[in-house]
Amino acid sequence: MLNALIDYWKHPEELLFHIIESDDLVLETSEDVIWFKVVKNIFQNHKDNQTTAAKYYQALFEFNRKAAIDGQKRKEIQKHNNGESKEDGIFRLLLARPAAGNNDAPKLFQTPTPPAKTPSVNADTILPGTVPFRLAGRKPKDFFSLVAAFCGTQSMGMDATPENVYENLTGNPSFARACNFTPPSAYSERQTDIPKLRKIEQFDQIMTANGLWSELKKTAIDENFNQNIIYPEKDLVHDTTHHFAFSGFETVEYTDEKGKERKKSQSHVTKKCSCQHKEDCQHAWELSGDGAGTVVKKHNVYHWAHKASIIGLPEQAIPIINQAMTDGASHDSNSIIESLDILKKHFPEVAKTAKNLLDDSAADDPKLKRLVEKKFGIKLRCHINPRRRKTLKEKELPKGMASLTPNGTLRCKDDLEMDYQGKRQGIGYYYGPPRDEQNRVSCESCPFQSQCCHKTNTCGRHVIIPFAKLPNISQDDPPMAKRFQKLMKKRPSVERMIYRLKCTLGDRYLSKRGNLNYQASLDKAMLALHLIIQL
């Protein structure tokens, strides 16, 4: 026994005893309890996240060390005034937004870069239940246990907010035990005790401020690629989604560059300081909910929300990029270039394999398509945006034809869709007769046959539509072509990705303000998803 204790002292990662509760056996064999398998997987694969754990402990050490210094600085800075009024701050922040015409502003939120070095923490010594040694102060809570609590809560279908995590730990003994936490003792305080809500909030704050949730997410995705759980595809899908903001707004009237009077909704401005007289202190005015904006879903349907850009693998229905936009009111197409930049940086093999990026009609812009293909070697394929083009009627079309939509759908007088068959070089688009479910020509039984087909025609009506009738359609990639329609059938898979992240594993209503917290919420949902598919 003594030798065993000596060996454990030298190698603490080798457990002497491992107690298994009867409840854990039931949870482990139950197929419906996903969170238990996610939690156990985090402890089993702890070596993948040792570097992130070291960065967290380093950030925690610096957070505690600077707390007193920052408090003193806040008191000193109150004596000065930067001269900016609240009204000046409102217009300065408004004109800095992409939706207000600032084209130089980044379209996607820049996730904080995790610290590169951990001078006082050795990553190789960080294990579940083992924390860095400090000469003074209490031992911090275990990093892996806290991550397991957050990911376990997210995999239950709840947004992993500190409040939800604390409620799960205190209200579900099996969950707390699986995360290696113990109930509080009446006699003494232990490091393994369930942390207070304040400690859980502090953990989430440090992870968010240092971009560590994003780093854990990328590690999980890389592991899935390395283990061939997911694989690159030649087609990618892109779309945006919104989450309802946890902030209010005000309507600001201003004059744009062209001298036109405009109105725009903007989050309230505030100063994130504890100064008694905020109107006179030196701290700058900031948006209380930066990133939130008016998201237009359709005519007369508006939401005050944050917006995020999603890129995924359509055949597997797995998202790999989810990044918050700096302004929820920005057009969806503004997120494409920077989203592909992130893809190329983090997953170069996926960007190299991809040949097509499938999107909706919001991305139908010839300049944007040329830029995407030139910069990334990827073709941007999307549905046609008719904009203000109207459907052509019977008078403007060959005889027997009733309508031609801006996306190239041609219908005859019998309200049947003509079969697109290709194009005649230098002439126009070529349509064949409509066909029924048995692929038979419908012209034989058509009541308008005498008004449409020639008497000697036995093959059905054929029509050529000049290119000039559809100037908004690319002749090299018409949306009427069967290959295009077959390709675009993959695009709806992005809706399933969004539903899993937004509804199945998260919450469409945010509980914190600002893009920093919004990005952390996106990262935690994506992390939980990729941990689940590892099971």
Protein backbone atom coordinates (compact mmCIF):
# COMPACT_ATOMS: atom_id res chain seq x y z
CA MET A 1 0.00 0.00 0.00
CA LEU A 2 2.86 2.37 0.84
CA ASN A 3 4.49 1.73 -2.53
CA ALA A 4 1.21 2.45 -4.26
CA LEU A 5 0.92 5.77 -2.45
CA ILE A 6 4.49 6.67 -3.43
CA ASP A 7 3.76 5.83 -7.08
CA TYR A 8 0.62 7.96 -6.95
CA TRP A 9 2.64 10.87 -5.52
CA LYS A 10 5.01 10.64 -8.50
CA HIS A 11 2.28 10.06 -11.09
CA PRO A 12 -0.97 11.66 -9.85
CA GLU A 13 -2.67 11.13 -13.21
CA GLU A 14 -2.78 7.38 -12.48
CA LEU A 15 -5.79 6.92 -10.20
CA LEU A 16 -5.54 4.50 -7.29
CA PHE A 17 -9.28 4.07 -6.91
CA HIS A 18 -12.16 4.81 -9.23
CA ILE A 19 -15.54 4.67 -7.53
CA ILE A 20 -18.48 3.90 -9.84
CA GLU A 21 -21.96 4.75 -8.58
CA SER A 22 -24.94 2.61 -9.55
CA ASP A 23 -26.60 5.72 -11.06
CA ASP A 24 -23.63 6.17 -13.38
CA LEU A 25 -24.05 2.63 -14.70
CA VAL A 26 -27.67 3.37 -15.57
CA LEU A 27 -26.75 6.68 -17.23
CA GLU A 28 -23.92 5.09 -19.21
CA THR A 29 -26.13 2.36 -20.69
CA SER A 30 -29.02 4.71 -21.49
CA GLU A 31 -29.00 5.81 -25.14
CA ASP A 32 -31.14 8.88 -24.44
CA VAL A 33 -28.77 10.48 -21.91
CA ILE A 34 -26.43 12.25 -24.33
CA TRP A 35 -25.04 14.70 -21.78
CA PHE A 36 -23.48 11.93 -19.68
CA LYS A 37 -21.49 10.61 -22.64
CA VAL A 38 -20.41 14.15 -23.58
CA VAL A 39 -19.18 14.82 -20.05
CA LYS A 40 -17.24 11.56 -19.84
CA ASN A 41 -15.75 12.15 -23.29
CA ILE A 42 -14.32 15.49 -22.12
CA PHE A 43 -12.44 13.79 -19.26
CA GLN A 44 -11.25 10.88 -21.41
CA ASN A 45 -9.87 13.19 -24.11
CA HIS A 46 -8.50 15.80 -21.72
CA LYS A 47 -5.09 15.84 -23.42
CA ASP A 48 -6.63 17.55 -26.47
CA ASN A 49 -7.49 20.56 -24.30
CA GLN A 50 -4.48 20.76 -21.99
CA THR A 51 -3.13 23.83 -23.81
CA THR A 52 -6.47 25.62 -23.51
CA ALA A 53 -6.63 24.68 -19.83
CA ALA A 54 -3.19 26.21 -19.25
CA LYS A 55 -4.30 29.40 -21.01
CA TYR A 56 -7.37 29.57 -18.78
CA TYR A 57 -5.39 29.20 -15.56
CA GLN A 58 -2.93 31.85 -16.78
CA ALA A 59 -5.80 34.19 -17.64
CA LEU A 60 -7.41 33.51 -14.24
CA PHE A 61 -4.14 34.36 -12.48
CA GLU A 62 -3.81 37.64 -14.41
CA PHE A 63 -7.51 38.42 -13.90
CA ASN A 64 -7.15 38.20 -10.11
CA ARG A 65 -3.85 40.08 -10.10
CA LYS A 66 -5.18 43.02 -12.11
CA ALA A 67 -8.50 43.35 -10.28
CA ALA A 68 -7.14 45.68 -7.58
CA ILE A 69 -5.03 47.68 -10.05
CA ASP A 70 -7.94 48.23 -12.41
CA GLY A 71 -10.09 49.39 -9.52
CA GLN A 72 -7.55 52.05 -8.61
CA LYS A 73 -7.26 53.20 -12.25
CA ARG A 74 -11.02 53.62 -12.51
CA LYS A 75 -10.97 55.96 -9.53
CA GLU A 76 -8.15 58.06 -10.97
CA ILE A 77 -9.64 58.39 -14.43
CA GLN A 78 -12.83 59.97 -13.09
CA LYS A 79 -10.95 63.22 -12.58
CA HIS A 80 -10.61 63.84 -16.32
CA ASN A 81 -13.07 64.53 -19.14
CA ASN A 82 -12.61 63.57 -22.79
CA GLY A 83 -15.09 66.25 -23.93
CA GLU A 84 -17.47 63.93 -25.83
CA SER A 85 -21.15 64.46 -25.11
CA LYS A 86 -23.70 61.67 -25.21
CA GLU A 87 -25.12 62.95 -28.51
CA ASP A 88 -21.65 62.99 -30.07
CA GLY A 89 -21.11 59.44 -28.88
CA ILE A 90 -24.39 58.29 -30.44
CA PHE A 91 -23.50 59.65 -33.89
CA ARG A 92 -19.88 58.46 -33.68
CA LEU A 93 -21.03 54.92 -32.98
CA LEU A 94 -23.74 55.10 -35.63
CA LEU A 95 -21.40 56.21 -38.42
CA ALA A 96 -18.93 53.47 -37.47
CA ARG A 97 -21.50 50.74 -38.26
CA PRO A 98 -21.38 48.85 -41.60
CA ALA A 99 -25.16 49.23 -41.97
CA ALA A 100 -24.78 53.02 -41.85
CA GLY A 101 -22.39 53.08 -44.82
CA ASN A 102 -18.97 52.46 -43.24
CA ASN A 103 -17.52 50.05 -45.81
CA ASP A 104 -14.16 49.93 -44.04
CA ALA A 105 -15.61 48.40 -40.88
CA PRO A 106 -15.18 44.61 -40.53
CA LYS A 107 -18.34 42.71 -41.38
CA LEU A 108 -17.70 39.82 -38.97
CA PHE A 109 -16.91 40.04 -35.30
CA GLN A 110 -13.23 39.53 -34.49
CA THR A 111 -12.97 36.80 -31.86
CA PRO A 112 -10.35 37.64 -29.18
CA THR A 113 -7.07 35.86 -29.83
CA PRO A 114 -6.13 33.49 -26.98
CA PRO A 115 -2.76 34.21 -25.31
CA ALA A 116 0.10 32.47 -27.10
CA LYS A 117 2.21 31.75 -24.00
CA THR A 118 1.52 30.68 -20.44
CA PRO A 119 4.70 31.68 -18.57
CA SER A 120 3.52 30.53 -15.15
CA VAL A 121 1.55 27.42 -16.18
CA ASN A 122 2.93 24.23 -17.74
CA ALA A 123 0.30 22.64 -19.95
CA ASP A 124 1.73 19.11 -19.51
CA THR A 125 0.98 19.19 -15.79
CA ILE A 126 -2.69 20.13 -16.22
CA LEU A 127 -4.96 17.12 -15.70
CA PRO A 128 -8.55 16.60 -14.56
CA GLY A 129 -8.52 17.32 -10.84
CA THR A 130 -4.98 18.76 -10.98
CA VAL A 131 -4.59 22.53 -10.94
CA PRO A 132 -1.44 24.69 -11.06
CA PHE A 133 0.37 25.18 -7.76
CA ARG A 134 0.18 28.63 -6.19
CA LEU A 135 2.06 29.81 -3.12
CA ALA A 136 -0.90 31.80 -1.85
CA GLY A 137 -4.63 31.91 -2.32
CA ARG A 138 -7.28 29.24 -2.73
CA LYS A 139 -7.03 26.55 -5.34
CA PRO A 140 -9.11 27.33 -8.44
CA LYS A 141 -11.92 25.10 -9.56
CA ASP A 142 -10.99 22.37 -12.02
CA PHE A 143 -11.04 23.58 -15.64
CA PHE A 144 -12.20 20.26 -17.10
CA SER A 145 -15.05 19.94 -14.59
CA LEU A 146 -16.32 23.41 -15.44
CA VAL A 147 -16.05 22.80 -19.20
CA ALA A 148 -17.91 19.51 -18.73
CA ALA A 149 -20.66 21.32 -16.82
CA PHE A 150 -21.11 23.89 -19.60
CA CYS A 151 -20.98 21.36 -22.46
CA GLY A 152 -23.25 18.96 -20.59
CA THR A 153 -25.82 21.71 -20.08
CA GLN A 154 -25.63 22.69 -23.76
CA SER A 155 -26.08 19.08 -24.90
CA MET A 156 -29.29 18.94 -22.82
CA GLY A 157 -30.75 21.52 -25.19
CA MET A 158 -30.31 24.52 -22.91
CA ASP A 159 -28.20 27.56 -23.59
CA ALA A 160 -25.07 27.14 -21.45
CA THR A 161 -25.47 30.30 -19.40
CA PRO A 162 -23.94 30.40 -15.89
CA GLU A 163 -27.46 30.41 -14.42
CA ASN A 164 -28.46 27.22 -16.25
CA VAL A 165 -25.17 25.50 -15.40
CA TYR A 166 -25.52 26.39 -11.71
CA GLU A 167 -29.12 25.16 -11.67
CA ASN A 168 -28.08 21.84 -13.18
CA LEU A 169 -25.20 21.34 -10.74
CA THR A 170 -27.27 22.14 -7.67
CA GLY A 171 -30.49 20.46 -8.77
CA ASN A 172 -29.14 17.30 -10.39
CA PRO A 173 -26.75 15.30 -8.14
CA SER A 174 -25.96 12.84 -10.93
CA PHE A 175 -24.92 15.69 -13.21
CA ALA A 176 -22.70 17.24 -10.52
CA ARG A 177 -21.07 13.89 -9.78
CA ALA A 178 -20.45 13.21 -13.48
CA CYS A 179 -18.66 16.60 -13.65
CA ASN A 180 -16.49 15.54 -10.66
CA PHE A 181 -18.11 18.00 -8.27
CA THR A 182 -19.18 17.14 -4.73
CA PRO A 183 -22.03 18.59 -2.63
CA PRO A 184 -20.91 21.35 -0.25
CA SER A 185 -19.79 20.12 3.15
CA ALA A 186 -21.13 21.57 6.39
CA TYR A 187 -17.71 21.34 8.04
CA SER A 188 -15.18 22.67 5.55
CA GLU A 189 -14.92 24.08 2.04
CA ARG A 190 -13.29 21.80 -0.53
CA GLN A 191 -11.92 22.51 -3.98
CA THR A 192 -14.24 19.87 -5.45
CA ASP A 193 -17.40 21.47 -4.02
CA ILE A 194 -20.01 22.70 -6.47
CA PRO A 195 -18.90 26.27 -7.33
CA LYS A 196 -21.01 29.25 -6.46
CA LEU A 197 -22.83 31.08 -9.22
CA ARG A 198 -20.30 33.91 -8.99
CA LYS A 199 -17.42 31.51 -9.74
CA ILE A 200 -19.27 30.01 -12.71
CA GLU A 201 -19.93 33.50 -14.06
CA GLN A 202 -16.27 34.38 -13.60
CA PHE A 203 -15.21 31.24 -15.49
CA ASP A 204 -17.53 32.05 -18.39
CA GLN A 205 -16.33 35.67 -18.41
CA ILE A 206 -12.66 34.69 -18.61
CA MET A 207 -13.27 32.03 -21.27
CA THR A 208 -15.28 34.52 -23.34
CA ALA A 209 -12.91 37.48 -23.00
CA ASN A 210 -9.89 35.40 -24.06
CA GLY A 211 -11.52 33.55 -26.97
CA LEU A 212 -11.09 30.17 -25.25
CA TRP A 213 -14.57 28.90 -26.12
CA SER A 214 -13.66 29.45 -29.77
CA GLU A 215 -10.39 27.57 -29.28
CA LEU A 216 -12.19 24.59 -27.71
CA LYS A 217 -14.63 24.62 -30.62
CA LYS A 218 -11.85 24.56 -33.21
CA THR A 219 -10.06 21.74 -31.34
CA ALA A 220 -13.23 19.62 -31.42
CA ILE A 221 -13.77 20.26 -35.15
CA ASP A 222 -10.11 19.47 -35.94
CA GLU A 223 -10.41 16.23 -33.99
CA ASN A 224 -13.48 15.22 -35.99
CA PHE A 225 -11.63 15.86 -39.25
CA ASN A 226 -8.55 13.98 -38.04
CA GLN A 227 -10.66 10.97 -36.99
CA ASN A 228 -12.59 11.06 -40.31
CA ILE A 229 -15.85 11.55 -38.45
CA ILE A 230 -16.45 14.41 -40.86
CA TYR A 231 -14.71 15.00 -44.18
CA PRO A 232 -14.30 17.86 -46.71
CA GLU A 233 -16.84 18.17 -49.51
CA LYS A 234 -16.66 19.81 -52.91
CA ASP A 235 -19.81 21.80 -52.14
CA LEU A 236 -20.36 24.13 -49.18
CA VAL A 237 -23.50 25.93 -48.03
CA HIS A 238 -23.76 29.40 -46.50
CA ASP A 239 -26.53 31.31 -44.81
CA THR A 240 -27.15 33.72 -41.95
CA THR A 241 -29.28 33.30 -38.86
CA HIS A 242 -30.43 35.65 -36.12
CA HIS A 243 -30.88 35.47 -32.35
CA PHE A 244 -33.16 37.89 -30.51
CA ALA A 245 -31.05 40.49 -28.71
CA PHE A 246 -31.06 41.05 -24.96
CA SER A 247 -31.09 44.82 -25.26
CA GLY A 248 -33.26 47.77 -26.19
CA PHE A 249 -32.84 50.33 -28.96
CA GLU A 250 -33.59 53.88 -29.94
CA THR A 251 -34.26 55.48 -33.33
CA VAL A 252 -31.55 57.87 -34.46
CA GLU A 253 -32.20 60.45 -37.19
CA TYR A 254 -29.17 61.47 -39.24
CA THR A 255 -28.08 62.78 -42.66
CA ASP A 256 -26.16 60.40 -44.89
CA GLU A 257 -23.33 61.20 -47.30
CA LYS A 258 -25.78 62.10 -50.06
CA GLY A 259 -27.58 64.61 -47.86
CA LYS A 260 -30.71 62.48 -47.37
CA GLU A 261 -32.51 62.36 -44.04
CA ARG A 262 -32.50 58.82 -42.66
CA LYS A 263 -33.54 56.90 -39.58
CA LYS A 264 -31.80 53.88 -38.09
CA SER A 265 -32.38 51.81 -34.98
CA GLN A 266 -29.40 51.61 -32.66
CA SER A 267 -28.70 50.17 -29.25
CA HIS A 268 -28.68 52.58 -26.33
CA VAL A 269 -25.30 54.08 -25.50
CA THR A 270 -23.74 53.82 -22.07
CA LYS A 271 -20.43 53.93 -20.24
CA LYS A 272 -19.34 50.60 -18.82
CA CYS A 273 -17.80 52.06 -15.72
CA SER A 274 -18.77 52.60 -12.10
CA CYS A 275 -18.28 56.37 -12.16
CA GLN A 276 -20.90 58.39 -10.31
CA HIS A 277 -20.96 61.19 -12.90
CA LYS A 278 -20.76 59.38 -16.24
CA GLU A 279 -21.46 62.53 -18.23
CA ASP A 280 -18.12 63.99 -17.09
CA CYS A 281 -15.81 60.96 -16.75
CA GLN A 282 -13.16 60.12 -19.36
CA HIS A 283 -14.55 56.74 -20.31
CA ALA A 284 -15.85 56.57 -23.87
CA TRP A 285 -19.49 56.06 -24.76
CA GLU A 286 -20.22 52.51 -25.94
CA LEU A 287 -23.20 50.63 -27.29
CA SER A 288 -24.96 48.70 -24.55
CA GLY A 289 -25.67 45.88 -27.00
CA ASP A 290 -23.04 46.21 -29.74
CA GLY A 291 -23.78 44.09 -32.78
CA ALA A 292 -27.56 44.17 -32.43
CA GLY A 293 -29.55 45.66 -35.28
CA THR A 294 -32.84 45.55 -37.14
CA VAL A 295 -32.98 42.26 -39.03
CA VAL A 296 -35.45 42.33 -41.94
CA LYS A 297 -36.92 38.86 -42.57
CA LYS A 298 -39.59 39.85 -45.09
CA HIS A 299 -41.98 42.68 -45.85
CA ASN A 300 -43.03 44.37 -42.60
CA VAL A 301 -41.37 41.66 -40.46
CA TYR A 302 -38.49 43.06 -38.40
CA HIS A 303 -36.54 41.72 -35.41
CA TRP A 304 -34.16 43.44 -33.02
CA ALA A 305 -31.49 40.79 -33.07
CA HIS A 306 -27.90 39.71 -33.58
CA LYS A 307 -26.91 38.00 -36.82
CA ALA A 308 -24.39 35.21 -37.48
CA SER A 309 -22.83 33.70 -40.61
CA ILE A 310 -22.92 29.91 -41.03
CA ILE A 311 -20.88 27.70 -43.40
CA GLY A 312 -21.37 23.94 -43.41
CA LEU A 313 -20.97 20.64 -45.20
CA PRO A 314 -24.32 19.91 -46.94
CA GLU A 315 -24.11 16.14 -47.44
CA GLN A 316 -23.30 15.61 -43.76
CA ALA A 317 -25.40 18.56 -42.53
CA ILE A 318 -22.55 19.62 -40.22
CA PRO A 319 -21.67 23.32 -39.66
CA ILE A 320 -17.99 24.21 -39.28
CA ILE A 321 -18.08 28.04 -39.27
CA ASN A 322 -20.41 30.18 -37.14
CA GLN A 323 -19.28 33.76 -36.69
CA ALA A 324 -21.21 36.75 -35.38
CA MET A 325 -21.64 39.76 -37.67
CA THR A 326 -20.54 43.13 -36.32
CA ASP A 327 -23.90 44.66 -37.24
CA GLY A 328 -27.17 42.75 -37.27
CA ALA A 329 -28.61 45.22 -39.79
CA SER A 330 -25.93 44.43 -42.40
CA HIS A 331 -26.93 42.68 -45.61
CA ASP A 332 -26.45 38.91 -45.59
CA SER A 333 -24.06 38.99 -48.55
CA ASN A 334 -21.57 41.13 -46.60
CA SER A 335 -20.60 38.11 -44.50
CA ILE A 336 -19.48 35.82 -47.35
CA ILE A 337 -15.93 37.04 -48.02
CA GLU A 338 -14.85 37.23 -44.39
CA SER A 339 -16.51 33.88 -43.61
CA LEU A 340 -14.45 32.27 -46.37
CA ASP A 341 -11.34 34.00 -44.98
CA ILE A 342 -11.97 32.28 -41.64
CA LEU A 343 -12.58 28.96 -43.41
CA LYS A 344 -9.32 29.25 -45.34
CA LYS A 345 -7.39 30.17 -42.20
CA HIS A 346 -8.77 27.50 -39.86
CA PHE A 347 -9.61 24.67 -42.28
CA PRO A 348 -7.39 25.08 -45.37
CA GLU A 349 -8.05 21.54 -46.60
CA VAL A 350 -11.79 22.20 -46.69
CA ALA A 351 -11.28 25.47 -48.58
CA LYS A 352 -8.95 23.71 -51.03
CA THR A 353 -11.44 20.89 -51.70
CA ALA A 354 -14.49 23.15 -52.12
CA LYS A 355 -15.61 24.03 -55.64
CA ASN A 356 -19.03 25.56 -55.02
CA LEU A 357 -20.59 27.72 -52.31
CA LEU A 358 -24.38 27.48 -52.31
CA ASP A 359 -26.32 30.48 -51.05
CA ASP A 360 -29.73 32.11 -51.35
CA SER A 361 -30.78 34.97 -53.61
CA ALA A 362 -29.26 37.56 -51.23
CA ALA A 363 -25.85 36.67 -52.71
CA ASP A 364 -26.92 37.16 -56.33
CA ASP A 365 -24.37 39.85 -57.21
CA PRO A 366 -22.07 39.49 -60.26
CA LYS A 367 -19.26 41.47 -58.59
CA LEU A 368 -19.42 39.32 -55.47
CA LYS A 369 -19.38 36.13 -57.54
CA ARG A 370 -16.31 37.23 -59.46
CA LEU A 371 -14.53 38.24 -56.24
CA VAL A 372 -15.25 34.89 -54.55
CA GLU A 373 -13.99 32.92 -57.54
CA LYS A 374 -10.90 35.08 -57.97
CA LYS A 375 -9.89 35.08 -54.29
CA PHE A 376 -10.81 31.54 -53.24
CA GLY A 377 -11.27 29.58 -56.47
CA ILE A 378 -14.85 28.79 -55.42
CA LYS A 379 -17.96 29.43 -57.51
CA LEU A 380 -20.75 31.22 -55.68
CA ARG A 381 -23.99 29.56 -56.81
CA CYS A 382 -27.29 31.02 -55.73
CA HIS A 383 -30.88 31.52 -56.77
CA ILE A 384 -31.70 34.52 -58.92
CA ASN A 385 -32.70 37.70 -57.15
CA PRO A 386 -35.34 39.27 -59.43
CA ARG A 387 -35.02 42.61 -57.66
CA ARG A 388 -37.49 44.86 -59.52
CA ARG A 389 -37.76 42.79 -62.69
CA LYS A 390 -41.31 41.75 -63.45
CA THR A 391 -42.68 38.55 -64.94
CA LEU A 392 -43.12 38.85 -68.72
CA LYS A 393 -46.67 38.27 -69.94
CA GLU A 394 -48.21 36.73 -73.06
CA LYS A 395 -47.83 39.77 -75.33
CA GLU A 396 -44.03 39.80 -74.93
CA LEU A 397 -43.59 36.06 -75.54
CA PRO A 398 -43.93 33.62 -78.47
CA LYS A 399 -47.40 32.32 -79.22
CA GLY A 400 -48.79 29.77 -76.79
CA MET A 401 -46.66 31.04 -73.89
CA ALA A 402 -48.31 32.63 -70.87
CA SER A 403 -45.49 33.88 -68.61
CA LEU A 404 -41.73 34.02 -68.12
CA THR A 405 -40.42 34.71 -64.62
CA PRO A 406 -37.14 36.58 -63.99
CA ASN A 407 -35.49 33.30 -62.97
CA GLY A 408 -36.27 31.71 -66.35
CA THR A 409 -39.37 29.65 -65.58
CA LEU A 410 -41.49 29.56 -68.77
CA ARG A 411 -45.14 28.46 -68.62
CA CYS A 412 -47.55 27.80 -71.45
CA LYS A 413 -51.24 28.75 -71.73
CA ASP A 414 -52.23 25.50 -70.02
CA ASP A 415 -50.16 26.67 -67.00
CA LEU A 416 -47.58 23.91 -67.49
CA GLU A 417 -43.87 24.51 -67.08
CA MET A 418 -41.84 24.21 -70.27
CA ASP A 419 -38.85 21.87 -70.14
CA TYR A 420 -35.55 23.77 -70.35
CA GLN A 421 -33.15 21.87 -72.63
CA GLY A 422 -30.17 24.17 -73.09
CA LYS A 423 -29.18 27.20 -75.11
CA ARG A 424 -28.49 28.04 -78.72
CA GLN A 425 -25.17 29.85 -78.94
CA GLY A 426 -25.69 33.49 -79.81
CA ILE A 427 -29.48 33.08 -80.07
CA GLY A 428 -31.21 32.27 -76.77
CA TYR A 429 -32.46 29.70 -74.29
CA TYR A 430 -34.11 26.59 -75.73
CA TYR A 431 -37.25 25.10 -74.15
CA GLY A 432 -38.98 21.85 -75.02
CA PRO A 433 -42.60 20.79 -74.45
CA PRO A 434 -43.93 20.19 -70.92
CA ARG A 435 -44.03 16.58 -69.74
CA ASP A 436 -46.25 14.64 -67.33
CA GLU A 437 -45.21 12.29 -64.51
CA GLN A 438 -44.63 9.46 -67.03
CA ASN A 439 -42.33 11.76 -69.04
CA ARG A 440 -44.83 11.94 -71.90
CA VAL A 441 -45.29 15.11 -73.95
CA SER A 442 -48.33 16.99 -72.61
CA CYS A 443 -49.08 18.81 -75.87
CA GLU A 444 -51.08 15.92 -77.34
CA SER A 445 -53.95 16.39 -74.87
CA CYS A 446 -53.61 20.16 -74.43
CA PRO A 447 -56.82 22.17 -75.13
CA PHE A 448 -54.69 25.01 -76.55
CA GLN A 449 -52.80 22.82 -79.03
CA SER A 450 -54.36 24.45 -82.09
CA GLN A 451 -53.34 27.92 -80.86
CA CYS A 452 -49.80 26.90 -79.99
CA CYS A 453 -48.49 24.02 -82.16
CA HIS A 454 -48.32 23.75 -85.93
CA LYS A 455 -50.63 21.16 -87.52
CA THR A 456 -47.69 19.05 -88.69
CA ASN A 457 -45.97 19.17 -85.26
CA THR A 458 -45.93 15.75 -83.61
CA CYS A 459 -43.07 16.36 -81.16
CA GLY A 460 -44.67 19.08 -79.01
CA ARG A 461 -44.01 22.80 -78.75
CA HIS A 462 -40.41 24.08 -78.76
CA VAL A 463 -39.54 27.68 -77.97
CA ILE A 464 -36.44 29.85 -78.09
CA ILE A 465 -36.32 32.79 -75.66
CA PRO A 466 -33.74 35.43 -76.69
CA PHE A 467 -30.99 36.20 -74.20
CA ALA A 468 -32.18 39.80 -74.10
CA LYS A 469 -35.43 38.71 -72.43
CA LEU A 470 -33.43 37.46 -69.39
CA PRO A 471 -30.49 39.87 -69.02
CA ASN A 472 -30.13 39.14 -65.29
CA ILE A 473 -29.30 35.45 -65.86
CA SER A 474 -25.77 34.24 -66.50
CA GLN A 475 -25.60 32.41 -69.81
CA ASP A 476 -22.86 30.15 -68.46
CA ASP A 477 -24.83 29.10 -65.37
CA PRO A 478 -28.59 29.47 -65.96
CA PRO A 479 -30.79 28.51 -62.98
CA MET A 480 -33.17 26.59 -65.27
CA ALA A 481 -30.52 23.95 -66.00
CA LYS A 482 -31.07 20.55 -64.41
CA ARG A 483 -27.48 20.39 -63.13
CA PHE A 484 -28.01 23.70 -61.31
CA GLN A 485 -31.31 22.56 -59.80
CA LYS A 486 -29.74 19.27 -58.68
CA LEU A 487 -26.89 21.16 -57.03
CA MET A 488 -29.19 23.60 -55.24
CA LYS A 489 -31.14 20.74 -53.66
CA LYS A 490 -28.25 20.51 -51.20
CA ARG A 491 -28.71 24.06 -49.92
CA PRO A 492 -31.68 23.42 -47.57
CA SER A 493 -29.34 21.36 -45.39
CA VAL A 494 -28.05 24.65 -43.94
CA GLU A 495 -31.50 25.17 -42.42
CA ARG A 496 -31.12 21.90 -40.51
CA MET A 497 -27.70 23.02 -39.28
CA ILE A 498 -29.13 26.31 -38.06
CA TYR A 499 -32.04 24.57 -36.36
CA ARG A 500 -29.71 22.24 -34.43
CA LEU A 501 -27.50 25.10 -33.24
CA LYS A 502 -30.29 27.57 -32.58
CA CYS A 503 -33.15 25.44 -31.26
CA THR A 504 -32.05 21.87 -30.48
CA LEU A 505 -28.85 22.77 -28.62
CA GLY A 506 -29.40 26.43 -27.81
CA ASP A 507 -31.90 29.21 -27.44
CA ARG A 508 -32.98 31.78 -30.01
CA TYR A 509 -33.30 34.35 -27.19
CA LEU A 510 -30.02 35.66 -25.81
CA SER A 511 -29.48 36.34 -22.11
CA LYS A 512 -26.42 38.60 -22.43
CA ARG A 513 -25.65 41.72 -24.38
CA GLY A 514 -22.97 42.41 -26.94
CA ASN A 515 -21.22 40.56 -29.73
CA LEU A 516 -18.56 39.15 -27.42
CA ASN A 517 -21.14 37.23 -25.42
CA TYR A 518 -23.09 36.37 -28.57
CA GLN A 519 -20.00 34.82 -30.16
CA ALA A 520 -19.37 32.80 -26.99
CA SER A 521 -22.95 31.51 -27.16
CA LEU A 522 -22.41 30.46 -30.79
CA ASP A 523 -19.11 28.77 -29.91
CA LYS A 524 -20.62 26.77 -27.03
CA ALA A 525 -23.45 25.49 -29.22
CA MET A 526 -21.01 24.46 -31.98
CA LEU A 527 -18.68 22.84 -29.43
CA ALA A 528 -21.51 20.76 -27.99
CA LEU A 529 -22.61 19.67 -31.48
CA HIS A 530 -19.14 18.44 -32.46
CA LEU A 531 -18.69 16.68 -29.13
CA ILE A 532 -21.98 14.88 -29.67
CA ILE A 533 -21.05 13.59 -33.13
CA GLN A 534 -17.88 12.10 -31.64
CA LEU A 535 -19.97 9.66 -29.60
